[in-house]
Amino acid sequence: MADRESASEASTKVQEVAANMQQLATTRKRISGSKAEAITRRYFAAIDDRDLDTAVSLWASGGRENVRGRVDVLAPEGVRAFIGELIEAVPDLSMQVISTTTEKDRCGVHWRLTGTFAGPGHFGGVAPTGSPIELEGFDLITVRDGLIQSNDAFTDSMTFAREIGMMPPQGSTAEQRMTGVFNTKTRLTAHMLAGEAGLVAEGVWMVQGQPARCNVYLIEDEGAVTLFDAGGRTMIRAVASAGAKLGGIRRVVLSHGHTDHRGVAPALGVPVFCHEDEVQDAEGSGGFRYWPAGLEGLPIPMRQIHRLLHRYAWDDGPVKIAGTVVEGDEVAGFKVVHLPGHAPGMIALWRESDRLALSGDCFYTIDMWGRNSPPRIPAAIYNFDTDQARASIRKLAALEPAAAWPGHAKPVTGDVRSQLERAADAS
């Protein structure tokens, strides 16, 4: 009996100690939060008083002031310049703290700023207009050792622009006209550079873009899509939009690493794959390492045009390769087929069920001037090995595709094998 009573007393003491420790932790958290809120309120009061020296003194050296979309500076001088510019631009500035929410060393502040954009100072490079302003925003301030370490701030820049006259009033006729002009420009640009995604086979969509009618294929893949090829950078918006409508882009598989086939990939933020023999070019020159210097060999009027296209229309720069594929690998219901020649690691995707080939640049159905043509071997100056390219066209033909969709322009249908064999044999 005594032993049981002793054990019970010990258990009670353990529970008391645990409760005391929990209470102490809560108290420390409350004290820490109180300090964070006290420093934060002093900071906003200093701004409200237009007391620049006191406001800056509350910052730790090297603390970061990051007002999203407007300024990203370090204390003390960066903060002094930013707050000083605000005070000079709005001499009757009033900064009201509407509410605060504090946890440990962070204090969130909902604030309202009012005043007149009277100058004499500029703000954000904009000359004073004499307009009244009323803005609201939210700052998340971190305080340690009694000083501000960082401020992540969010404010309504659009309202500020409207209030000072840089943007027309919301709902006004001027705003409606401006929106109409913007939408017209968007539609025209989208139509000129890339079309809407179209269904080309079961579960396979295609976006075609300019210049050179680059084809990007979106293959339905477990609720999302896998891209085969990434076209030119002029297609970024169209491809991203098409991918979003189909559930999101999961990954990109490049047929090869040339500039006009990797262009969209860097902008998507998804893993990119290619054949191991294409990693060097996808992550590097985009094919220029084995093309003639200055693209010599192209017709003279086309030479300069192609230089400009590679630089300004097709290429968005090197892309980091997340992994590689080899012949026989499965990609979203297709098999990888290695077709070297135009590029050392050129691949196609092959689906046996409907004999569909997504063939990259194994062959072209477009000539150097952008006109439709029968299937043909790519121009020799753009090939890594033209003899290999011929052999790869024959390899693809031997699969007897029902349809072969290339990296540019239109597909080959009908007697695909015969058409490809003629292309391989042409001089």
Foldseek 3Di string as FASTA:
>chain_A
DVVVVVVVVVVVVVVVVVVVVVVVVVVLFVVQQVLLVVLVVQLLVCLQVVPLVSNLVQADFQAWECEPPQDIDTPDPRVSVQSVLVCQQFVNKGKAFPDWDTTRQKIKTKIKIWGFRQHPHAHSPHHRQRFTDIWIWMWIWGDDPRHTRYIYIYIDVVRVCCRSVVAPDPPDPRNVVVVVVVVVVVVVLCVQFKDAWDDDDVQKTWIFGDDQRFIWIWGQAPQFTEIEFDAALSCQVRVQVNRVVSRHYAEYEYLAQAQRGCHNVVVRPHAYEFAPQRQCLLQDVRQPVQFDVLNPPPPVVLSVVVVCCSVPIRHPHHDHHPYYDDAQDDDNQWTWDAQAKLGRRRIWTAHLVQLEIAGEPLWDQADSVGHGHQTAHPDPSSIPHNLSSLVSLQVSLVSQGQWYHYRRDDIDHDRSSVSSNVRSPDD
